[in-house]
Amino acid sequence: MKNTIQQHGPSNTVYGMGFLGAVIYYISHATGFWMGVLGLLKAIFWPACLVYEALKALGA
């Protein structure tokens, strides 16, 4: 059996910090419970939206 070690520490750390920042931002600006839930979902998917908008701006 072959042992493989995969290390993705720096990228996970950057995503995790961005996620926590987005959660804090969206929940602190939520006006109700369901807006807080929507903010949590937005915090999960913000990297995909960022890449989409960047590619759209570049015309790719």
PDB file of N, CA and C in Angstrom:
ATOM      1  N   MET A   1       0.850  -1.165   0.000  1.00  0.00           N
ATOM      2  CA  MET A   1       0.000   0.000   0.000  1.00  0.00           C
ATOM      3  C   MET A   1       0.902   1.237   0.000  1.00  0.00           C
ATOM      4  N   LYS A   2       0.550   2.176  -0.807  1.00  0.00           N
ATOM      5  CA  LYS A   2       1.325   3.406  -0.947  1.00  0.00           C
ATOM      6  C   LYS A   2       0.685   4.530  -0.135  1.00  0.00           C
ATOM      7  N   ASN A   3       1.512   5.198   0.652  1.00  0.00           N
ATOM      8  CA  ASN A   3       1.021   6.331   1.444  1.00  0.00           C
ATOM      9  C   ASN A   3       1.300   7.620   0.694  1.00  0.00           C
ATOM     10  N   THR A   4       0.279   8.424   0.528  1.00  0.00           N
ATOM     11  CA  THR A   4       0.454   9.734  -0.089  1.00  0.00           C
ATOM     12  C   THR A   4       0.013  10.801   0.902  1.00  0.00           C
ATOM     13  N   ILE A   5       0.804  11.840   0.943  1.00  0.00           N
ATOM     14  CA  ILE A   5       0.493  12.959   1.823  1.00  0.00           C
ATOM     15  C   ILE A   5       0.233  14.173   0.950  1.00  0.00           C
ATOM     16  N   GLN A   6      -0.938  14.731   1.088  1.00  0.00           N
ATOM     17  CA  GLN A   6      -1.285  15.924   0.326  1.00  0.00           C
ATOM     18  C   GLN A   6      -1.398  17.088   1.292  1.00  0.00           C
ATOM     19  N   GLN A   7      -0.711  18.148   0.953  1.00  0.00           N
ATOM     20  CA  GLN A   7      -0.748  19.324   1.813  1.00  0.00           C
ATOM     21  C   GLN A   7      -1.301  20.496   1.031  1.00  0.00           C
ATOM     22  N   HIS A   8      -2.385  21.042   1.510  1.00  0.00           N
ATOM     23  CA  HIS A   8      -3.033  22.183   0.878  1.00  0.00           C
ATOM     24  C   HIS A   8      -3.270  23.279   1.906  1.00  0.00           C
ATOM     25  N   GLY A   9      -2.389  23.408   2.843  1.00  0.00           N
ATOM     26  CA  GLY A   9      -2.552  24.328   3.953  1.00  0.00           C
ATOM     27  C   GLY A   9      -2.766  25.778   3.575  1.00  0.00           C
ATOM     28  N   PRO A  10      -1.878  26.381   2.781  1.00  0.00           N
ATOM     29  CA  PRO A  10      -2.031  27.817   2.508  1.00  0.00           C
ATOM     30  C   PRO A  10      -3.333  28.175   1.792  1.00  0.00           C
ATOM     31  N   SER A  11      -3.730  27.389   0.800  1.00  0.00           N
ATOM     32  CA  SER A  11      -4.957  27.726   0.081  1.00  0.00           C
ATOM     33  C   SER A  11      -6.185  27.525   0.970  1.00  0.00           C
ATOM     34  N   ASN A  12      -6.178  26.497   1.800  1.00  0.00           N
ATOM     35  CA  ASN A  12      -7.301  26.290   2.711  1.00  0.00           C
ATOM     36  C   ASN A  12      -7.385  27.412   3.740  1.00  0.00           C
ATOM     37  N   THR A  13      -6.235  27.891   4.180  1.00  0.00           N
ATOM     38  CA  THR A  13      -6.220  28.971   5.157  1.00  0.00           C
ATOM     39  C   THR A  13      -6.790  30.254   4.567  1.00  0.00           C
ATOM     40  N   VAL A  14      -6.381  30.567   3.340  1.00  0.00           N
ATOM     41  CA  VAL A  14      -6.874  31.787   2.681  1.00  0.00           C
ATOM     42  C   VAL A  14      -8.377  31.688   2.450  1.00  0.00           C
ATOM     43  N   TYR A  15      -8.855  30.544   1.972  1.00  0.00           N
ATOM     44  CA  TYR A  15     -10.289  30.378   1.758  1.00  0.00           C
ATOM     45  C   TYR A  15     -11.044  30.455   3.083  1.00  0.00           C
ATOM     46  N   GLY A  16     -10.495  29.823   4.116  1.00  0.00           N
ATOM     47  CA  GLY A  16     -11.159  29.839   5.417  1.00  0.00           C
ATOM     48  C   GLY A  16     -11.269  31.235   5.999  1.00  0.00           C
ATOM     49  N   MET A  17     -10.216  32.027   5.868  1.00  0.00           N
ATOM     50  CA  MET A  17     -10.265  33.400   6.368  1.00  0.00           C
ATOM     51  C   MET A  17     -11.253  34.231   5.563  1.00  0.00           C
ATOM     52  N   GLY A  18     -11.273  34.044   4.256  1.00  0.00           N
ATOM     53  CA  GLY A  18     -12.242  34.753   3.424  1.00  0.00           C
ATOM     54  C   GLY A  18     -13.666  34.350   3.748  1.00  0.00           C
ATOM     55  N   PHE A  19     -13.870  33.065   3.996  1.00  0.00           N
ATOM     56  CA  PHE A  19     -15.193  32.563   4.360  1.00  0.00           C
ATOM     57  C   PHE A  19     -15.666  33.176   5.670  1.00  0.00           C
ATOM     58  N   LEU A  20     -14.803  33.164   6.681  1.00  0.00           N
ATOM     59  CA  LEU A  20     -15.191  33.740   7.972  1.00  0.00           C
ATOM     60  C   LEU A  20     -15.477  35.235   7.856  1.00  0.00           C
ATOM     61  N   GLY A  21     -14.662  35.945   7.097  1.00  0.00           N
ATOM     62  CA  GLY A  21     -14.907  37.372   6.903  1.00  0.00           C
ATOM     63  C   GLY A  21     -16.237  37.624   6.218  1.00  0.00           C
ATOM     64  N   ALA A  22     -16.542  36.808   5.198  1.00  0.00           N
ATOM     65  CA  ALA A  22     -17.808  36.965   4.487  1.00  0.00           C
ATOM     66  C   ALA A  22     -18.996  36.630   5.380  1.00  0.00           C
ATOM     67  N   VAL A  23     -18.869  35.589   6.191  1.00  0.00           N
ATOM     68  CA  VAL A  23     -19.957  35.221   7.118  1.00  0.00           C
ATOM     69  C   VAL A  23     -20.217  36.355   8.097  1.00  0.00           C
ATOM     70  N   ILE A  24     -19.153  36.892   8.674  1.00  0.00           N
ATOM     71  CA  ILE A  24     -19.316  37.987   9.626  1.00  0.00           C
ATOM     72  C   ILE A  24     -19.957  39.190   8.950  1.00  0.00           C
ATOM     73  N   TYR A  25     -19.515  39.520   7.743  1.00  0.00           N
ATOM     74  CA  TYR A  25     -20.066  40.672   7.028  1.00  0.00           C
ATOM     75  C   TYR A  25     -21.551  40.474   6.729  1.00  0.00           C
ATOM     76  N   TYR A  26     -21.890  39.353   6.098  1.00  0.00           N
ATOM     77  CA  TYR A  26     -23.272  39.138   5.680  1.00  0.00           C
ATOM     78  C   TYR A  26     -24.219  38.997   6.867  1.00  0.00           C
ATOM     79  N   ILE A  27     -23.798  38.302   7.919  1.00  0.00           N
ATOM     80  CA  ILE A  27     -24.688  38.119   9.063  1.00  0.00           C
ATOM     81  C   ILE A  27     -24.854  39.422   9.844  1.00  0.00           C
ATOM     82  N   SER A  28     -23.794  40.226   9.911  1.00  0.00           N
ATOM     83  CA  SER A  28     -23.929  41.489  10.644  1.00  0.00           C
ATOM     84  C   SER A  28     -24.835  42.478   9.909  1.00  0.00           C
ATOM     85  N   HIS A  29     -24.989  42.310   8.593  1.00  0.00           N
ATOM     86  CA  HIS A  29     -25.863  43.191   7.824  1.00  0.00           C
ATOM     87  C   HIS A  29     -27.245  42.585   7.563  1.00  0.00           C
ATOM     88  N   ALA A  30     -27.491  41.386   8.098  1.00  0.00           N
ATOM     89  CA  ALA A  30     -28.777  40.728   7.894  1.00  0.00           C
ATOM     90  C   ALA A  30     -29.857  41.417   8.714  1.00  0.00           C
ATOM     91  N   THR A  31     -31.038  41.537   8.110  1.00  0.00           N
ATOM     92  CA  THR A  31     -32.159  42.184   8.793  1.00  0.00           C
ATOM     93  C   THR A  31     -33.097  41.181   9.446  1.00  0.00           C
ATOM     94  N   GLY A  32     -32.903  39.905   9.170  1.00  0.00           N
ATOM     95  CA  GLY A  32     -33.748  38.880   9.760  1.00  0.00           C
ATOM     96  C   GLY A  32     -33.070  37.529   9.679  1.00  0.00           C
ATOM     97  N   PHE A  33     -33.757  36.508  10.192  1.00  0.00           N
ATOM     98  CA  PHE A  33     -33.185  35.164  10.215  1.00  0.00           C
ATOM     99  C   PHE A  33     -32.884  34.643   8.817  1.00  0.00           C
ATOM    100  N   TRP A  34     -33.848  34.754   7.910  1.00  0.00           N
ATOM    101  CA  TRP A  34     -33.659  34.195   6.575  1.00  0.00           C
ATOM    102  C   TRP A  34     -32.630  34.979   5.774  1.00  0.00           C
ATOM    103  N   MET A  35     -32.479  36.255   6.055  1.00  0.00           N
ATOM    104  CA  MET A  35     -31.405  37.013   5.407  1.00  0.00           C
ATOM    105  C   MET A  35     -30.043  36.541   5.928  1.00  0.00           C
ATOM    106  N   GLY A  36     -29.989  36.131   7.189  1.00  0.00           N
ATOM    107  CA  GLY A  36     -28.765  35.551   7.742  1.00  0.00           C
ATOM    108  C   GLY A  36     -28.427  34.225   7.088  1.00  0.00           C
ATOM    109  N   VAL A  37     -29.451  33.408   6.846  1.00  0.00           N
ATOM    110  CA  VAL A  37     -29.245  32.126   6.155  1.00  0.00           C
ATOM    111  C   VAL A  37     -28.767  32.384   4.728  1.00  0.00           C
ATOM    112  N   LEU A  38     -29.373  33.350   4.057  1.00  0.00           N
ATOM    113  CA  LEU A  38     -28.937  33.708   2.705  1.00  0.00           C
ATOM    114  C   LEU A  38     -27.501  34.223   2.725  1.00  0.00           C
ATOM    115  N   GLY A  39     -27.149  34.979   3.742  1.00  0.00           N
ATOM    116  CA  GLY A  39     -25.785  35.466   3.888  1.00  0.00           C
ATOM    117  C   GLY A  39     -24.799  34.330   4.064  1.00  0.00           C
ATOM    118  N   LEU A  40     -25.183  33.299   4.799  1.00  0.00           N
ATOM    119  CA  LEU A  40     -24.320  32.134   4.964  1.00  0.00           C
ATOM    120  C   LEU A  40     -24.096  31.433   3.628  1.00  0.00           C
ATOM    121  N   LEU A  41     -25.149  31.300   2.846  1.00  0.00           N
ATOM    122  CA  LEU A  41     -25.010  30.686   1.520  1.00  0.00           C
ATOM    123  C   LEU A  41     -24.147  31.536   0.601  1.00  0.00           C
ATOM    124  N   LYS A  42     -24.312  32.847   0.658  1.00  0.00           N
ATOM    125  CA  LYS A  42     -23.472  33.740  -0.136  1.00  0.00           C
ATOM    126  C   LYS A  42     -22.004  33.602   0.262  1.00  0.00           C
ATOM    127  N   ALA A  43     -21.753  33.460   1.555  1.00  0.00           N
ATOM    128  CA  ALA A  43     -20.377  33.319   2.036  1.00  0.00           C
ATOM    129  C   ALA A  43     -19.729  32.043   1.524  1.00  0.00           C
ATOM    130  N   ILE A  44     -20.518  30.992   1.355  1.00  0.00           N
ATOM    131  CA  ILE A  44     -19.977  29.735   0.840  1.00  0.00           C
ATOM    132  C   ILE A  44     -19.598  29.870  -0.634  1.00  0.00           C
ATOM    133  N   PHE A  45     -20.413  30.576  -1.417  1.00  0.00           N
ATOM    134  CA  PHE A  45     -20.226  30.619  -2.863  1.00  0.00           C
ATOM    135  C   PHE A  45     -19.554  31.883  -3.386  1.00  0.00           C
ATOM    136  N   TRP A  46     -19.031  32.759  -2.524  1.00  0.00           N
ATOM    137  CA  TRP A  46     -18.441  34.007  -3.001  1.00  0.00           C
ATOM    138  C   TRP A  46     -17.247  33.799  -3.923  1.00  0.00           C
ATOM    139  N   PRO A  47     -16.397  32.762  -3.745  1.00  0.00           N
ATOM    140  CA  PRO A  47     -15.276  32.617  -4.684  1.00  0.00           C
ATOM    141  C   PRO A  47     -15.742  32.339  -6.113  1.00  0.00           C
ATOM    142  N   ALA A  48     -16.799  31.558  -6.259  1.00  0.00           N
ATOM    143  CA  ALA A  48     -17.307  31.259  -7.596  1.00  0.00           C
ATOM    144  C   ALA A  48     -17.843  32.527  -8.260  1.00  0.00           C
ATOM    145  N   CYS A  49     -18.532  33.352  -7.522  1.00  0.00           N
ATOM    146  CA  CYS A  49     -19.046  34.617  -8.062  1.00  0.00           C
ATOM    147  C   CYS A  49     -17.902  35.549  -8.447  1.00  0.00           C
ATOM    148  N   LEU A  50     -16.863  35.578  -7.624  1.00  0.00           N
ATOM    149  CA  LEU A  50     -15.705  36.426  -7.906  1.00  0.00           C
ATOM    150  C   LEU A  50     -15.017  36.008  -9.206  1.00  0.00           C
ATOM    151  N   VAL A  51     -14.797  34.721  -9.389  1.00  0.00           N
ATOM    152  CA  VAL A  51     -14.151  34.228 -10.606  1.00  0.00           C
ATOM    153  C   VAL A  51     -15.034  34.477 -11.823  1.00  0.00           C
ATOM    154  N   TYR A  52     -16.327  34.256 -11.691  1.00  0.00           N
ATOM    155  CA  TYR A  52     -17.252  34.498 -12.790  1.00  0.00           C
ATOM    156  C   TYR A  52     -17.216  35.950 -13.253  1.00  0.00           C
ATOM    157  N   GLU A  53     -17.291  36.864 -12.291  1.00  0.00           N
ATOM    158  CA  GLU A  53     -17.264  38.295 -12.639  1.00  0.00           C
ATOM    159  C   GLU A  53     -15.917  38.708 -13.231  1.00  0.00           C
ATOM    160  N   ALA A  54     -14.833  38.138 -12.722  1.00  0.00           N
ATOM    161  CA  ALA A  54     -13.501  38.463 -13.280  1.00  0.00           C
ATOM    162  C   ALA A  54     -13.387  37.983 -14.719  1.00  0.00           C
ATOM    163  N   LEU A  55     -13.842  36.771 -15.003  1.00  0.00           N
ATOM    164  CA  LEU A  55     -13.781  36.270 -16.371  1.00  0.00           C
ATOM    165  C   LEU A  55     -14.707  37.049 -17.301  1.00  0.00           C
ATOM    166  N   LYS A  56     -15.861  37.453 -16.784  1.00  0.00           N
ATOM    167  CA  LYS A  56     -16.786  38.254 -17.584  1.00  0.00           C
ATOM    168  C   LYS A  56     -16.156  39.605 -17.925  1.00  0.00           C
ATOM    169  N   ALA A  57     -15.467  40.202 -16.956  1.00  0.00           N
ATOM    170  CA  ALA A  57     -14.819  41.502 -17.194  1.00  0.00           C
ATOM    171  C   ALA A  57     -13.669  41.386 -18.182  1.00  0.00           C
ATOM    172  N   LEU A  58     -12.986  40.246 -18.165  1.00  0.00           N
ATOM    173  CA  LEU A  58     -11.867  40.036 -19.087  1.00  0.00           C
ATOM    174  C   LEU A  58     -12.344  39.644 -20.488  1.00  0.00           C
ATOM    175  N   GLY A  59     -13.601  39.312 -20.618  1.00  0.00           N
ATOM    176  CA  GLY A  59     -14.148  38.932 -21.917  1.00  0.00           C
ATOM    177  C   GLY A  59     -13.768  37.513 -22.318  1.00  0.00           C
ATOM    178  N   ALA A  60     -13.475  36.690 -21.349  1.00  0.00           N
ATOM    179  CA  ALA A  60     -13.066  35.311 -21.642  1.00  0.00           C
ATOM    180  C   ALA A  60     -14.265  34.418 -21.819  1.00  0.00           C
TER     181      ALA A  60
END
